[in-house]
Amino acid sequence: IRTTYIGINENGIKGIWCGFKPEKAII
């Protein structure tokens, strides 16, 4: 089981992160 995160990074860019959660992103 892996978690995919969808959100906005610290620079305001939307992104998708697979398998890890970025520290400074808004999920």
mmCIF file of all heavy atoms, coordinates in Angstrom:
data_MODEL
# 
_entry.id   MODEL 
# 
loop_
_atom_site.group_PDB 
_atom_site.id 
_atom_site.type_symbol 
_atom_site.label_atom_id 
_atom_site.label_alt_id 
_atom_site.label_comp_id 
_atom_site.label_asym_id 
_atom_site.label_entity_id 
_atom_site.label_seq_id 
_atom_site.pdbx_PDB_ins_code 
_atom_site.Cartn_x 
_atom_site.Cartn_y 
_atom_site.Cartn_z 
_atom_site.occupancy 
_atom_site.B_iso_or_equiv 
_atom_site.pdbx_formal_charge 
_atom_site.auth_seq_id 
_atom_site.auth_comp_id 
_atom_site.auth_asym_id 
_atom_site.auth_atom_id 
_atom_site.pdbx_PDB_model_num 
ATOM 1   N N   . ILE A 1 1  ? 0.861  -1.182 0.000  1.00 0.00 ? 1  ILE A N   1 
ATOM 2   C CA  . ILE A 1 1  ? 0.000  0.000  0.000  1.00 0.00 ? 1  ILE A CA  1 
ATOM 3   C C   . ILE A 1 1  ? 0.896  1.229  0.000  1.00 0.00 ? 1  ILE A C   1 
ATOM 4   O O   . ILE A 1 1  ? 1.815  1.333  0.817  1.00 0.00 ? 1  ILE A O   1 
ATOM 5   C CB  . ILE A 1 1  ? -0.928 0.023  1.225  1.00 0.00 ? 1  ILE A CB  1 
ATOM 6   C CG1 . ILE A 1 1  ? -1.929 -1.119 1.128  1.00 0.00 ? 1  ILE A CG1 1 
ATOM 7   C CG2 . ILE A 1 1  ? -1.647 1.360  1.325  1.00 0.00 ? 1  ILE A CG2 1 
ATOM 8   C CD1 . ILE A 1 1  ? -2.873 -1.214 2.301  1.00 0.00 ? 1  ILE A CD1 1 
ATOM 9   N N   . ARG A 1 2  ? 0.641  2.140  -0.955 1.00 0.00 ? 2  ARG A N   1 
ATOM 10  C CA  . ARG A 1 2  ? 1.362  3.407  -1.015 1.00 0.00 ? 2  ARG A CA  1 
ATOM 11  C C   . ARG A 1 2  ? 0.343  4.532  -1.043 1.00 0.00 ? 2  ARG A C   1 
ATOM 12  O O   . ARG A 1 2  ? -0.743 4.373  -1.594 1.00 0.00 ? 2  ARG A O   1 
ATOM 13  C CB  . ARG A 1 2  ? 2.220  3.487  -2.278 1.00 0.00 ? 2  ARG A CB  1 
ATOM 14  C CG  . ARG A 1 2  ? 3.408  2.571  -2.259 1.00 0.00 ? 2  ARG A CG  1 
ATOM 15  C CD  . ARG A 1 2  ? 4.271  2.816  -3.471 1.00 0.00 ? 2  ARG A CD  1 
ATOM 16  N NE  . ARG A 1 2  ? 4.383  1.555  -4.183 1.00 0.00 ? 2  ARG A NE  1 
ATOM 17  C CZ  . ARG A 1 2  ? 4.656  1.434  -5.457 1.00 0.00 ? 2  ARG A CZ  1 
ATOM 18  N NH1 . ARG A 1 2  ? 4.828  2.484  -6.206 1.00 0.00 ? 2  ARG A NH1 1 
ATOM 19  N NH2 . ARG A 1 2  ? 4.752  0.251  -6.017 1.00 0.00 ? 2  ARG A NH2 1 
ATOM 20  N N   . THR A 1 3  ? 0.716  5.662  -0.483 1.00 0.00 ? 3  THR A N   1 
ATOM 21  C CA  . THR A 1 3  ? -0.162 6.821  -0.491 1.00 0.00 ? 3  THR A CA  1 
ATOM 22  C C   . THR A 1 3  ? 0.339  7.830  -1.509 1.00 0.00 ? 3  THR A C   1 
ATOM 23  O O   . THR A 1 3  ? 1.533  8.125  -1.563 1.00 0.00 ? 3  THR A O   1 
ATOM 24  C CB  . THR A 1 3  ? -0.239 7.468  0.902  1.00 0.00 ? 3  THR A CB  1 
ATOM 25  O OG1 . THR A 1 3  ? -0.662 6.470  1.838  1.00 0.00 ? 3  THR A OG1 1 
ATOM 26  C CG2 . THR A 1 3  ? -1.212 8.620  0.926  1.00 0.00 ? 3  THR A CG2 1 
ATOM 27  N N   . THR A 1 4  ? -0.578 8.344  -2.320 1.00 0.00 ? 4  THR A N   1 
ATOM 28  C CA  . THR A 1 4  ? -0.278 9.391  -3.289 1.00 0.00 ? 4  THR A CA  1 
ATOM 29  C C   . THR A 1 4  ? -0.899 10.679 -2.770 1.00 0.00 ? 4  THR A C   1 
ATOM 30  O O   . THR A 1 4  ? -2.074 10.702 -2.401 1.00 0.00 ? 4  THR A O   1 
ATOM 31  C CB  . THR A 1 4  ? -0.858 9.026  -4.673 1.00 0.00 ? 4  THR A CB  1 
ATOM 32  O OG1 . THR A 1 4  ? -0.211 7.842  -5.128 1.00 0.00 ? 4  THR A OG1 1 
ATOM 33  C CG2 . THR A 1 4  ? -0.645 10.143 -5.672 1.00 0.00 ? 4  THR A CG2 1 
ATOM 34  N N   . TYR A 1 5  ? -0.096 11.735 -2.725 1.00 0.00 ? 5  TYR A N   1 
ATOM 35  C CA  . TYR A 1 5  ? -0.547 13.028 -2.209 1.00 0.00 ? 5  TYR A CA  1 
ATOM 36  C C   . TYR A 1 5  ? -0.711 14.013 -3.353 1.00 0.00 ? 5  TYR A C   1 
ATOM 37  O O   . TYR A 1 5  ? 0.150  14.108 -4.226 1.00 0.00 ? 5  TYR A O   1 
ATOM 38  C CB  . TYR A 1 5  ? 0.457  13.576 -1.198 1.00 0.00 ? 5  TYR A CB  1 
ATOM 39  C CG  . TYR A 1 5  ? 0.634  12.679 0.001  1.00 0.00 ? 5  TYR A CG  1 
ATOM 40  C CD1 . TYR A 1 5  ? 1.662  11.740 0.047  1.00 0.00 ? 5  TYR A CD1 1 
ATOM 41  C CD2 . TYR A 1 5  ? -0.244 12.745 1.070  1.00 0.00 ? 5  TYR A CD2 1 
ATOM 42  C CE1 . TYR A 1 5  ? 1.814  10.898 1.136  1.00 0.00 ? 5  TYR A CE1 1 
ATOM 43  C CE2 . TYR A 1 5  ? -0.097 11.911 2.166  1.00 0.00 ? 5  TYR A CE2 1 
ATOM 44  C CZ  . TYR A 1 5  ? 0.932  10.992 2.188  1.00 0.00 ? 5  TYR A CZ  1 
ATOM 45  O OH  . TYR A 1 5  ? 1.070  10.161 3.270  1.00 0.00 ? 5  TYR A OH  1 
ATOM 46  N N   . ILE A 1 6  ? -1.808 14.770 -3.329 1.00 0.00 ? 6  ILE A N   1 
ATOM 47  C CA  . ILE A 1 6  ? -2.080 15.798 -4.329 1.00 0.00 ? 6  ILE A CA  1 
ATOM 48  C C   . ILE A 1 6  ? -2.173 17.112 -3.577 1.00 0.00 ? 6  ILE A C   1 
ATOM 49  O O   . ILE A 1 6  ? -2.907 17.215 -2.585 1.00 0.00 ? 6  ILE A O   1 
ATOM 50  C CB  . ILE A 1 6  ? -3.392 15.498 -5.073 1.00 0.00 ? 6  ILE A CB  1 
ATOM 51  C CG1 . ILE A 1 6  ? -3.292 14.122 -5.744 1.00 0.00 ? 6  ILE A CG1 1 
ATOM 52  C CG2 . ILE A 1 6  ? -3.709 16.589 -6.086 1.00 0.00 ? 6  ILE A CG2 1 
ATOM 53  C CD1 . ILE A 1 6  ? -4.600 13.574 -6.236 1.00 0.00 ? 6  ILE A CD1 1 
ATOM 54  N N   . GLY A 1 7  ? -1.422 18.116 -4.038 1.00 0.00 ? 7  GLY A N   1 
ATOM 55  C CA  . GLY A 1 7  ? -1.445 19.384 -3.320 1.00 0.00 ? 7  GLY A CA  1 
ATOM 56  C C   . GLY A 1 7  ? -0.641 20.461 -4.005 1.00 0.00 ? 7  GLY A C   1 
ATOM 57  O O   . GLY A 1 7  ? -0.394 20.411 -5.209 1.00 0.00 ? 7  GLY A O   1 
ATOM 58  N N   . ILE A 1 8  ? -0.212 21.431 -3.207 1.00 0.00 ? 8  ILE A N   1 
ATOM 59  C CA  . ILE A 1 8  ? 0.525  22.595 -3.701 1.00 0.00 ? 8  ILE A CA  1 
ATOM 60  C C   . ILE A 1 8  ? 1.823  22.700 -2.918 1.00 0.00 ? 8  ILE A C   1 
ATOM 61  O O   . ILE A 1 8  ? 1.810  22.691 -1.681 1.00 0.00 ? 8  ILE A O   1 
ATOM 62  C CB  . ILE A 1 8  ? -0.312 23.881 -3.531 1.00 0.00 ? 8  ILE A CB  1 
ATOM 63  C CG1 . ILE A 1 8  ? -1.650 23.737 -4.285 1.00 0.00 ? 8  ILE A CG1 1 
ATOM 64  C CG2 . ILE A 1 8  ? 0.455  25.100 -4.020 1.00 0.00 ? 8  ILE A CG2 1 
ATOM 65  C CD1 . ILE A 1 8  ? -2.642 24.838 -3.998 1.00 0.00 ? 8  ILE A CD1 1 
ATOM 66  N N   . ASN A 1 9  ? 2.961  22.805 -3.635 1.00 0.00 ? 9  ASN A N   1 
ATOM 67  C CA  . ASN A 1 9  ? 4.249  22.872 -2.933 1.00 0.00 ? 9  ASN A CA  1 
ATOM 68  C C   . ASN A 1 9  ? 4.509  24.281 -2.395 1.00 0.00 ? 9  ASN A C   1 
ATOM 69  O O   . ASN A 1 9  ? 3.701  25.198 -2.583 1.00 0.00 ? 9  ASN A O   1 
ATOM 70  C CB  . ASN A 1 9  ? 5.399  22.373 -3.819 1.00 0.00 ? 9  ASN A CB  1 
ATOM 71  C CG  . ASN A 1 9  ? 5.741  23.311 -4.957 1.00 0.00 ? 9  ASN A CG  1 
ATOM 72  O OD1 . ASN A 1 9  ? 5.276  24.448 -5.033 1.00 0.00 ? 9  ASN A OD1 1 
ATOM 73  N ND2 . ASN A 1 9  ? 6.569  22.838 -5.869 1.00 0.00 ? 9  ASN A ND2 1 
ATOM 74  N N   . GLU A 1 10 ? 5.643  24.471 -1.757 1.00 0.00 ? 10 GLU A N   1 
ATOM 75  C CA  . GLU A 1 10 ? 5.970  25.745 -1.104 1.00 0.00 ? 10 GLU A CA  1 
ATOM 76  C C   . GLU A 1 10 ? 6.120  26.896 -2.092 1.00 0.00 ? 10 GLU A C   1 
ATOM 77  O O   . GLU A 1 10 ? 6.052  28.059 -1.705 1.00 0.00 ? 10 GLU A O   1 
ATOM 78  C CB  . GLU A 1 10 ? 7.239  25.598 -0.279 1.00 0.00 ? 10 GLU A CB  1 
ATOM 79  C CG  . GLU A 1 10 ? 8.434  25.161 -1.094 1.00 0.00 ? 10 GLU A CG  1 
ATOM 80  C CD  . GLU A 1 10 ? 9.614  24.753 -0.238 1.00 0.00 ? 10 GLU A CD  1 
ATOM 81  O OE1 . GLU A 1 10 ? 9.404  24.185 0.841  1.00 0.00 ? 10 GLU A OE1 1 
ATOM 82  O OE2 . GLU A 1 10 ? 10.740 25.009 -0.679 1.00 0.00 ? 10 GLU A OE2 1 
ATOM 83  N N   . ASN A 1 11 ? 6.282  26.582 -3.389 1.00 0.00 ? 11 ASN A N   1 
ATOM 84  C CA  . ASN A 1 11 ? 6.393  27.626 -4.421 1.00 0.00 ? 11 ASN A CA  1 
ATOM 85  C C   . ASN A 1 11 ? 5.056  27.911 -5.092 1.00 0.00 ? 11 ASN A C   1 
ATOM 86  O O   . ASN A 1 11 ? 5.001  28.649 -6.073 1.00 0.00 ? 11 ASN A O   1 
ATOM 87  C CB  . ASN A 1 11 ? 7.417  27.215 -5.483 1.00 0.00 ? 11 ASN A CB  1 
ATOM 88  C CG  . ASN A 1 11 ? 8.805  27.059 -4.891 1.00 0.00 ? 11 ASN A CG  1 
ATOM 89  O OD1 . ASN A 1 11 ? 9.205  27.812 -4.014 1.00 0.00 ? 11 ASN A OD1 1 
ATOM 90  N ND2 . ASN A 1 11 ? 9.527  26.049 -5.341 1.00 0.00 ? 11 ASN A ND2 1 
ATOM 91  N N   . GLY A 1 12 ? 3.986  27.308 -4.614 1.00 0.00 ? 12 GLY A N   1 
ATOM 92  C CA  . GLY A 1 12 ? 2.657  27.539 -5.168 1.00 0.00 ? 12 GLY A CA  1 
ATOM 93  C C   . GLY A 1 12 ? 2.345  26.705 -6.404 1.00 0.00 ? 12 GLY A C   1 
ATOM 94  O O   . GLY A 1 12 ? 1.370  26.978 -7.098 1.00 0.00 ? 12 GLY A O   1 
ATOM 95  N N   . ILE A 1 13 ? 3.146  25.691 -6.681 1.00 0.00 ? 13 ILE A N   1 
ATOM 96  C CA  . ILE A 1 13 ? 2.950  24.851 -7.859 1.00 0.00 ? 13 ILE A CA  1 
ATOM 97  C C   . ILE A 1 13 ? 2.213  23.581 -7.449 1.00 0.00 ? 13 ILE A C   1 
ATOM 98  O O   . ILE A 1 13 ? 2.610  22.910 -6.492 1.00 0.00 ? 13 ILE A O   1 
ATOM 99  C CB  . ILE A 1 13 ? 4.297  24.508 -8.520 1.00 0.00 ? 13 ILE A CB  1 
ATOM 100 C CG1 . ILE A 1 13 ? 4.981  25.798 -8.967 1.00 0.00 ? 13 ILE A CG1 1 
ATOM 101 C CG2 . ILE A 1 13 ? 4.114  23.551 -9.684 1.00 0.00 ? 13 ILE A CG2 1 
ATOM 102 C CD1 . ILE A 1 13 ? 6.397  25.614 -9.443 1.00 0.00 ? 13 ILE A CD1 1 
ATOM 103 N N   . LYS A 1 14 ? 1.141  23.255 -8.199 1.00 0.00 ? 14 LYS A N   1 
ATOM 104 C CA  . LYS A 1 14 ? 0.389  22.026 -7.922 1.00 0.00 ? 14 LYS A CA  1 
ATOM 105 C C   . LYS A 1 14 ? 1.231  20.822 -8.295 1.00 0.00 ? 14 LYS A C   1 
ATOM 106 O O   . LYS A 1 14 ? 1.974  20.852 -9.261 1.00 0.00 ? 14 LYS A O   1 
ATOM 107 C CB  . LYS A 1 14 ? -0.921 22.005 -8.698 1.00 0.00 ? 14 LYS A CB  1 
ATOM 108 C CG  . LYS A 1 14 ? -1.932 22.989 -8.169 1.00 0.00 ? 14 LYS A CG  1 
ATOM 109 C CD  . LYS A 1 14 ? -3.278 22.786 -8.805 1.00 0.00 ? 14 LYS A CD  1 
ATOM 110 C CE  . LYS A 1 14 ? -4.265 23.720 -8.108 1.00 0.00 ? 14 LYS A CE  1 
ATOM 111 N NZ  . LYS A 1 14 ? -5.632 23.306 -8.327 1.00 0.00 ? 14 LYS A NZ  1 
ATOM 112 N N   . GLY A 1 15 ? 1.091  19.762 -7.509 1.00 0.00 ? 15 GLY A N   1 
ATOM 113 C CA  . GLY A 1 15 ? 1.877  18.568 -7.784 1.00 0.00 ? 15 GLY A CA  1 
ATOM 114 C C   . GLY A 1 15 ? 1.243  17.313 -7.231 1.00 0.00 ? 15 GLY A C   1 
ATOM 115 O O   . GLY A 1 15 ? 0.273  17.357 -6.478 1.00 0.00 ? 15 GLY A O   1 
ATOM 116 N N   . ILE A 1 16 ? 1.823  16.185 -7.651 1.00 0.00 ? 16 ILE A N   1 
ATOM 117 C CA  . ILE A 1 16 ? 1.426  14.870 -7.167 1.00 0.00 ? 16 ILE A CA  1 
ATOM 118 C C   . ILE A 1 16 ? 2.684  14.184 -6.669 1.00 0.00 ? 16 ILE A C   1 
ATOM 119 O O   . ILE A 1 16 ? 3.685  14.129 -7.385 1.00 0.00 ? 16 ILE A O   1 
ATOM 120 C CB  . ILE A 1 16 ? 0.775  14.034 -8.291 1.00 0.00 ? 16 ILE A CB  1 
ATOM 121 C CG1 . ILE A 1 16 ? -0.488 14.728 -8.795 1.00 0.00 ? 16 ILE A CG1 1 
ATOM 122 C CG2 . ILE A 1 16 ? 0.472  12.627 -7.812 1.00 0.00 ? 16 ILE A CG2 1 
ATOM 123 C CD1 . ILE A 1 16 ? -1.111 14.056 -9.995 1.00 0.00 ? 16 ILE A CD1 1 
ATOM 124 N N   . TRP A 1 17 ? 2.655  13.681 -5.436 1.00 0.00 ? 17 TRP A N   1 
ATOM 125 C CA  . TRP A 1 17 ? 3.802  13.001 -4.848 1.00 0.00 ? 17 TRP A CA  1 
ATOM 126 C C   . TRP A 1 17 ? 3.390  11.577 -4.522 1.00 0.00 ? 17 TRP A C   1 
ATOM 127 O O   . TRP A 1 17 ? 2.444  11.347 -3.776 1.00 0.00 ? 17 TRP A O   1 
ATOM 128 C CB  . TRP A 1 17 ? 4.254  13.731 -3.589 1.00 0.00 ? 17 TRP A CB  1 
ATOM 129 C CG  . TRP A 1 17 ? 4.699  15.129 -3.861 1.00 0.00 ? 17 TRP A CG  1 
ATOM 130 C CD1 . TRP A 1 17 ? 5.952  15.530 -4.211 1.00 0.00 ? 17 TRP A CD1 1 
ATOM 131 C CD2 . TRP A 1 17 ? 3.895  16.312 -3.821 1.00 0.00 ? 17 TRP A CD2 1 
ATOM 132 N NE1 . TRP A 1 17 ? 5.975  16.891 -4.394 1.00 0.00 ? 17 TRP A NE1 1 
ATOM 133 C CE2 . TRP A 1 17 ? 4.725  17.397 -4.161 1.00 0.00 ? 17 TRP A CE2 1 
ATOM 134 C CE3 . TRP A 1 17 ? 2.552  16.567 -3.538 1.00 0.00 ? 17 TRP A CE3 1 
ATOM 135 C CZ2 . TRP A 1 17 ? 4.258  18.703 -4.219 1.00 0.00 ? 17 TRP A CZ2 1 
ATOM 136 C CZ3 . TRP A 1 17 ? 2.085  17.862 -3.598 1.00 0.00 ? 17 TRP A CZ3 1 
ATOM 137 C CH2 . TRP A 1 17 ? 2.936  18.914 -3.941 1.00 0.00 ? 17 TRP A CH2 1 
ATOM 138 N N   . CYS A 1 18 ? 4.093  10.632 -5.090 1.00 0.00 ? 18 CYS A N   1 
ATOM 139 C CA  . CYS A 1 18 ? 3.761  9.213  -4.909 1.00 0.00 ? 18 CYS A CA  1 
ATOM 140 C C   . CYS A 1 18 ? 4.725  8.579  -3.918 1.00 0.00 ? 18 CYS A C   1 
ATOM 141 O O   . CYS A 1 18 ? 5.931  8.589  -4.125 1.00 0.00 ? 18 CYS A O   1 
ATOM 142 C CB  . CYS A 1 18 ? 3.839  8.471  -6.238 1.00 0.00 ? 18 CYS A CB  1 
ATOM 143 S SG  . CYS A 1 18 ? 2.704  9.131  -7.465 1.00 0.00 ? 18 CYS A SG  1 
ATOM 144 N N   . GLY A 1 19 ? 4.194  8.045  -2.836 1.00 0.00 ? 19 GLY A N   1 
ATOM 145 C CA  . GLY A 1 19 ? 5.006  7.307  -1.888 1.00 0.00 ? 19 GLY A CA  1 
ATOM 146 C C   . GLY A 1 19 ? 5.661  8.139  -0.805 1.00 0.00 ? 19 GLY A C   1 
ATOM 147 O O   . GLY A 1 19 ? 6.239  7.591  0.117  1.00 0.00 ? 19 GLY A O   1 
ATOM 148 N N   . PHE A 1 20 ? 5.631  9.458  -0.905 1.00 0.00 ? 20 PHE A N   1 
ATOM 149 C CA  . PHE A 1 20 ? 6.186  10.290 0.169  1.00 0.00 ? 20 PHE A CA  1 
ATOM 150 C C   . PHE A 1 20 ? 5.380  11.574 0.271  1.00 0.00 ? 20 PHE A C   1 
ATOM 151 O O   . PHE A 1 20 ? 4.782  12.032 -0.686 1.00 0.00 ? 20 PHE A O   1 
ATOM 152 C CB  . PHE A 1 20 ? 7.662  10.613 -0.076 1.00 0.00 ? 20 PHE A CB  1 
ATOM 153 C CG  . PHE A 1 20 ? 7.899  11.619 -1.170 1.00 0.00 ? 20 PHE A CG  1 
ATOM 154 C CD1 . PHE A 1 20 ? 8.080  12.964 -0.865 1.00 0.00 ? 20 PHE A CD1 1 
ATOM 155 C CD2 . PHE A 1 20 ? 7.928  11.226 -2.500 1.00 0.00 ? 20 PHE A CD2 1 
ATOM 156 C CE1 . PHE A 1 20 ? 8.286  13.891 -1.874 1.00 0.00 ? 20 PHE A CE1 1 
ATOM 157 C CE2 . PHE A 1 20 ? 8.144  12.151 -3.512 1.00 0.00 ? 20 PHE A CE2 1 
ATOM 158 C CZ  . PHE A 1 20 ? 8.322  13.489 -3.199 1.00 0.00 ? 20 PHE A CZ  1 
ATOM 159 N N   . LYS A 1 21 ? 5.371  12.138 1.463  1.00 0.00 ? 21 LYS A N   1 
ATOM 160 C CA  . LYS A 1 21 ? 4.633  13.373 1.715  1.00 0.00 ? 21 LYS A CA  1 
ATOM 161 C C   . LYS A 1 21 ? 5.637  14.499 1.912  1.00 0.00 ? 21 LYS A C   1 
ATOM 162 O O   . LYS A 1 21 ? 6.435  14.461 2.848  1.00 0.00 ? 21 LYS A O   1 
ATOM 163 C CB  . LYS A 1 21 ? 3.768  13.205 2.966  1.00 0.00 ? 21 LYS A CB  1 
ATOM 164 C CG  . LYS A 1 21 ? 2.907  14.393 3.278  1.00 0.00 ? 21 LYS A CG  1 
ATOM 165 C CD  . LYS A 1 21 ? 2.051  14.105 4.509  1.00 0.00 ? 21 LYS A CD  1 
ATOM 166 C CE  . LYS A 1 21 ? 1.171  15.266 4.862  1.00 0.00 ? 21 LYS A CE  1 
ATOM 167 N NZ  . LYS A 1 21 ? 0.370  14.993 6.058  1.00 0.00 ? 21 LYS A NZ  1 
ATOM 168 N N   . PRO A 1 22 ? 5.631  15.502 1.027  1.00 0.00 ? 22 PRO A N   1 
ATOM 169 C CA  . PRO A 1 22 ? 6.559  16.620 1.188  1.00 0.00 ? 22 PRO A CA  1 
ATOM 170 C C   . PRO A 1 22 ? 6.244  17.412 2.462  1.00 0.00 ? 22 PRO A C   1 
ATOM 171 O O   . PRO A 1 22 ? 5.086  17.573 2.829  1.00 0.00 ? 22 PRO A O   1 
ATOM 172 C CB  . PRO A 1 22 ? 6.338  17.459 -0.063 1.00 0.00 ? 22 PRO A CB  1 
ATOM 173 C CG  . PRO A 1 22 ? 5.023  17.044 -0.599 1.00 0.00 ? 22 PRO A CG  1 
ATOM 174 C CD  . PRO A 1 22 ? 4.761  15.659 -0.128 1.00 0.00 ? 22 PRO A CD  1 
ATOM 175 N N   . GLU A 1 23 ? 7.295  17.867 3.121  1.00 0.00 ? 23 GLU A N   1 
ATOM 176 C CA  . GLU A 1 23 ? 7.118  18.540 4.408  1.00 0.00 ? 23 GLU A CA  1 
ATOM 177 C C   . GLU A 1 23 ? 6.411  19.886 4.297  1.00 0.00 ? 23 GLU A C   1 
ATOM 178 O O   . GLU A 1 23 ? 5.595  20.221 5.134  1.00 0.00 ? 23 GLU A O   1 
ATOM 179 C CB  . GLU A 1 23 ? 8.484  18.742 5.068  1.00 0.00 ? 23 GLU A CB  1 
ATOM 180 C CG  . GLU A 1 23 ? 9.126  17.457 5.512  1.00 0.00 ? 23 GLU A CG  1 
ATOM 181 C CD  . GLU A 1 23 ? 10.468 17.691 6.164  1.00 0.00 ? 23 GLU A CD  1 
ATOM 182 O OE1 . GLU A 1 23 ? 10.750 18.823 6.594  1.00 0.00 ? 23 GLU A OE1 1 
ATOM 183 O OE2 . GLU A 1 23 ? 11.244 16.726 6.250  1.00 0.00 ? 23 GLU A OE2 1 
ATOM 184 N N   . LYS A 1 24 ? 6.723  20.666 3.277  1.00 0.00 ? 24 LYS A N   1 
ATOM 185 C CA  . LYS A 1 24 ? 6.222  22.034 3.211  1.00 0.00 ? 24 LYS A CA  1 
ATOM 186 C C   . LYS A 1 24 ? 5.103  22.225 2.197  1.00 0.00 ? 24 LYS A C   1 
ATOM 187 O O   . LYS A 1 24 ? 4.865  23.328 1.746  1.00 0.00 ? 24 LYS A O   1 
ATOM 188 C CB  . LYS A 1 24 ? 7.369  22.985 2.890  1.00 0.00 ? 24 LYS A CB  1 
ATOM 189 C CG  . LYS A 1 24 ? 8.438  22.996 3.961  1.00 0.00 ? 24 LYS A CG  1 
ATOM 190 C CD  . LYS A 1 24 ? 9.536  23.970 3.644  1.00 0.00 ? 24 LYS A CD  1 
ATOM 191 C CE  . LYS A 1 24 ? 10.600 23.934 4.723  1.00 0.00 ? 24 LYS A CE  1 
ATOM 192 N NZ  . LYS A 1 24 ? 11.677 24.877 4.444  1.00 0.00 ? 24 LYS A NZ  1 
ATOM 193 N N   . ALA A 1 25 ? 4.408  21.169 1.832  1.00 0.00 ? 25 ALA A N   1 
ATOM 194 C CA  . ALA A 1 25 ? 3.318  21.272 0.864  1.00 0.00 ? 25 ALA A CA  1 
ATOM 195 C C   . ALA A 1 25 ? 1.973  21.315 1.577  1.00 0.00 ? 25 ALA A C   1 
ATOM 196 O O   . ALA A 1 25 ? 1.819  20.804 2.686  1.00 0.00 ? 25 ALA A O   1 
ATOM 197 C CB  . ALA A 1 25 ? 3.349  20.092 -0.097 1.00 0.00 ? 25 ALA A CB  1 
ATOM 198 N N   . ILE A 1 26 ? 1.011  21.929 0.919  1.00 0.00 ? 26 ILE A N   1 
ATOM 199 C CA  . ILE A 1 26 ? -0.366 21.909 1.397  1.00 0.00 ? 26 ILE A CA  1 
ATOM 200 C C   . ILE A 1 26 ? -1.040 20.740 0.688  1.00 0.00 ? 26 ILE A C   1 
ATOM 201 O O   . ILE A 1 26 ? -1.191 20.745 -0.534 1.00 0.00 ? 26 ILE A O   1 
ATOM 202 C CB  . ILE A 1 26 ? -1.092 23.232 1.067  1.00 0.00 ? 26 ILE A CB  1 
ATOM 203 C CG1 . ILE A 1 26 ? -0.389 24.402 1.759  1.00 0.00 ? 26 ILE A CG1 1 
ATOM 204 C CG2 . ILE A 1 26 ? -2.556 23.154 1.457  1.00 0.00 ? 26 ILE A CG2 1 
ATOM 205 C CD1 . ILE A 1 26 ? -0.866 25.770 1.296  1.00 0.00 ? 26 ILE A CD1 1 
ATOM 206 N N   . ILE A 1 27 ? -1.403 19.725 1.436  1.00 0.00 ? 27 ILE A N   1 
ATOM 207 C CA  . ILE A 1 27 ? -1.987 18.520 0.854  1.00 0.00 ? 27 ILE A CA  1 
ATOM 208 C C   . ILE A 1 27 ? -3.500 18.713 0.741  1.00 0.00 ? 27 ILE A C   1 
ATOM 209 O O   . ILE A 1 27 ? -4.186 18.950 1.731  1.00 0.00 ? 27 ILE A O   1 
ATOM 210 C CB  . ILE A 1 27 ? -1.664 17.271 1.703  1.00 0.00 ? 27 ILE A CB  1 
ATOM 211 C CG1 . ILE A 1 27 ? -0.148 17.105 1.844  1.00 0.00 ? 27 ILE A CG1 1 
ATOM 212 C CG2 . ILE A 1 27 ? -2.310 16.032 1.113  1.00 0.00 ? 27 ILE A CG2 1 
ATOM 213 C CD1 . ILE A 1 27 ? 0.613  16.990 0.540  1.00 0.00 ? 27 ILE A CD1 1 
# 
